[in-house]
Amino acid sequence: MIKILSQQVCPKCDQLFQYLKFGLQNKYADKIEIIKKEDNLTEFMALVSEYEIMATPAIIVNGKVLKDCTPLNVAKFLSENV
């Protein structure tokens, strides 16, 4: 499972979701769980605390975290960890 931490007003989150949809052609869509701060504050804060996340978006896969979600980093991280 790919967990993505996100929040409502987050241009970088929007860019990530566009890249996942168009750049990666929804390759991982069935494996993604979006944890939005406004919708699930308890789980969001638990993951922020556990993985020392300071900004969104962040991607968590099998205990590994990607905090710099640029397209090249996302493609490499997902191909290596999913």
C-alpha atoms as a PDB file:
ATOM      1  CA  MET A   1       0.000   0.000   0.000  1.00  0.00           C
ATOM      2  CA  ILE A   2       1.181   3.499  -0.907  1.00  0.00           C
ATOM      3  CA  LYS A   3       0.156   6.133   1.626  1.00  0.00           C
ATOM      4  CA  ILE A   4       0.204   9.754   0.523  1.00  0.00           C
ATOM      5  CA  LEU A   5      -0.080  12.497   3.114  1.00  0.00           C
ATOM      6  CA  SER A   6      -1.851  15.522   1.707  1.00  0.00           C
ATOM      7  CA  GLN A   7      -3.862  18.568   2.677  1.00  0.00           C
ATOM      8  CA  GLN A   8      -6.407  20.831   1.000  1.00  0.00           C
ATOM      9  CA  VAL A   9      -4.431  23.910   0.033  1.00  0.00           C
ATOM     10  CA  CYS A  10      -1.231  22.311  -1.224  1.00  0.00           C
ATOM     11  CA  PRO A  11       0.051  23.133  -4.718  1.00  0.00           C
ATOM     12  CA  LYS A  12       2.768  20.487  -4.446  1.00  0.00           C
ATOM     13  CA  CYS A  13       0.126  17.885  -3.581  1.00  0.00           C
ATOM     14  CA  ASP A  14      -1.839  18.900  -6.663  1.00  0.00           C
ATOM     15  CA  GLN A  15       1.312  18.568  -8.782  1.00  0.00           C
ATOM     16  CA  LEU A  16       1.987  15.109  -7.348  1.00  0.00           C
ATOM     17  CA  PHE A  17      -1.529  13.899  -8.096  1.00  0.00           C
ATOM     18  CA  GLN A  18      -1.293  15.254 -11.657  1.00  0.00           C
ATOM     19  CA  TYR A  19       2.020  13.446 -12.145  1.00  0.00           C
ATOM     20  CA  LEU A  20       0.635  10.178 -10.782  1.00  0.00           C
ATOM     21  CA  LYS A  21      -2.385  10.467 -13.082  1.00  0.00           C
ATOM     22  CA  PHE A  22      -0.798  11.710 -16.302  1.00  0.00           C
ATOM     23  CA  GLY A  23       2.944  11.134 -15.976  1.00  0.00           C
ATOM     24  CA  LEU A  24       2.654   7.617 -14.593  1.00  0.00           C
ATOM     25  CA  GLN A  25      -0.725   6.999 -16.256  1.00  0.00           C
ATOM     26  CA  ASN A  26      -2.383   5.885 -13.000  1.00  0.00           C
ATOM     27  CA  LYS A  27       0.002   2.917 -12.800  1.00  0.00           C
ATOM     28  CA  TYR A  28      -0.284   2.806  -8.999  1.00  0.00           C
ATOM     29  CA  ALA A  29      -3.875   4.087  -8.616  1.00  0.00           C
ATOM     30  CA  ASP A  30      -5.202   0.841  -7.115  1.00  0.00           C
ATOM     31  CA  LYS A  31      -2.427   0.818  -4.487  1.00  0.00           C
ATOM     32  CA  ILE A  32      -2.728   4.413  -3.242  1.00  0.00           C
ATOM     33  CA  GLU A  33      -4.386   5.506  -0.013  1.00  0.00           C
ATOM     34  CA  ILE A  34      -4.613   9.273   0.353  1.00  0.00           C
ATOM     35  CA  ILE A  35      -4.527  10.483   3.941  1.00  0.00           C
ATOM     36  CA  LYS A  36      -5.783  14.037   3.856  1.00  0.00           C
ATOM     37  CA  LYS A  37      -5.189  16.133   6.971  1.00  0.00           C
ATOM     38  CA  GLU A  38      -8.701  17.604   6.899  1.00  0.00           C
ATOM     39  CA  ASP A  39     -10.400  14.217   6.485  1.00  0.00           C
ATOM     40  CA  ASN A  40      -8.375  12.027   8.853  1.00  0.00           C
ATOM     41  CA  LEU A  41      -6.451  14.185  11.318  1.00  0.00           C
ATOM     42  CA  THR A  42      -5.732  11.338  13.759  1.00  0.00           C
ATOM     43  CA  GLU A  43      -4.005   9.062  11.235  1.00  0.00           C
ATOM     44  CA  PHE A  44      -2.354  12.026   9.513  1.00  0.00           C
ATOM     45  CA  MET A  45      -0.798  13.260  12.774  1.00  0.00           C
ATOM     46  CA  ALA A  46       0.245   9.749  13.810  1.00  0.00           C
ATOM     47  CA  LEU A  47       2.177   9.301  10.553  1.00  0.00           C
ATOM     48  CA  VAL A  48       3.636  12.822  10.737  1.00  0.00           C
ATOM     49  CA  SER A  49       4.936  12.047  14.207  1.00  0.00           C
ATOM     50  CA  GLU A  50       6.176   8.533  13.412  1.00  0.00           C
ATOM     51  CA  TYR A  51       8.101   9.537  10.274  1.00  0.00           C
ATOM     52  CA  GLU A  52       9.044  13.113  11.291  1.00  0.00           C
ATOM     53  CA  ILE A  53       7.287  14.637   8.284  1.00  0.00           C
ATOM     54  CA  MET A  54       7.351  18.427   8.169  1.00  0.00           C
ATOM     55  CA  ALA A  55       5.521  19.157   4.901  1.00  0.00           C
ATOM     56  CA  THR A  56       3.117  17.686   2.407  1.00  0.00           C
ATOM     57  CA  PRO A  57       3.043  15.812   0.186  1.00  0.00           C
ATOM     58  CA  ALA A  58       4.884  12.814   1.565  1.00  0.00           C
ATOM     59  CA  ILE A  59       4.753   9.240   0.318  1.00  0.00           C
ATOM     60  CA  ILE A  60       5.107   6.237   2.623  1.00  0.00           C
ATOM     61  CA  VAL A  61       5.688   2.713   1.325  1.00  0.00           C
ATOM     62  CA  ASN A  62       6.629  -0.210   3.580  1.00  0.00           C
ATOM     63  CA  GLY A  63       8.083   2.060   6.258  1.00  0.00           C
ATOM     64  CA  LYS A  64      10.125   4.127   3.790  1.00  0.00           C
ATOM     65  CA  VAL A  65       9.319   7.804   3.261  1.00  0.00           C
ATOM     66  CA  LEU A  66       9.752  10.132   0.317  1.00  0.00           C
ATOM     67  CA  LYS A  67       9.558  13.757   1.404  1.00  0.00           C
ATOM     68  CA  ASP A  68      10.841  15.406  -1.793  1.00  0.00           C
ATOM     69  CA  CYS A  69       8.055  14.497  -4.217  1.00  0.00           C
ATOM     70  CA  THR A  70       9.448  15.793  -7.492  1.00  0.00           C
ATOM     71  CA  PRO A  71       8.534  13.676 -10.531  1.00  0.00           C
ATOM     72  CA  LEU A  72      11.955  12.034 -10.896  1.00  0.00           C
ATOM     73  CA  ASN A  73      12.115  11.202  -7.192  1.00  0.00           C
ATOM     74  CA  VAL A  74       8.559   9.832  -7.191  1.00  0.00           C
ATOM     75  CA  ALA A  75       9.136   7.583 -10.208  1.00  0.00           C
ATOM     76  CA  LYS A  76      12.360   6.174  -8.757  1.00  0.00           C
ATOM     77  CA  PHE A  77      10.945   5.738  -5.231  1.00  0.00           C
ATOM     78  CA  LEU A  78       7.812   3.943  -6.393  1.00  0.00           C
ATOM     79  CA  SER A  79       9.649   1.690  -8.855  1.00  0.00           C
ATOM     80  CA  GLU A  80      12.096   0.647  -6.116  1.00  0.00           C
ATOM     81  CA  ASN A  81       9.586   0.204  -3.271  1.00  0.00           C
ATOM     82  CA  VAL A  82       6.260  -0.974  -4.709  1.00  0.00           C
END
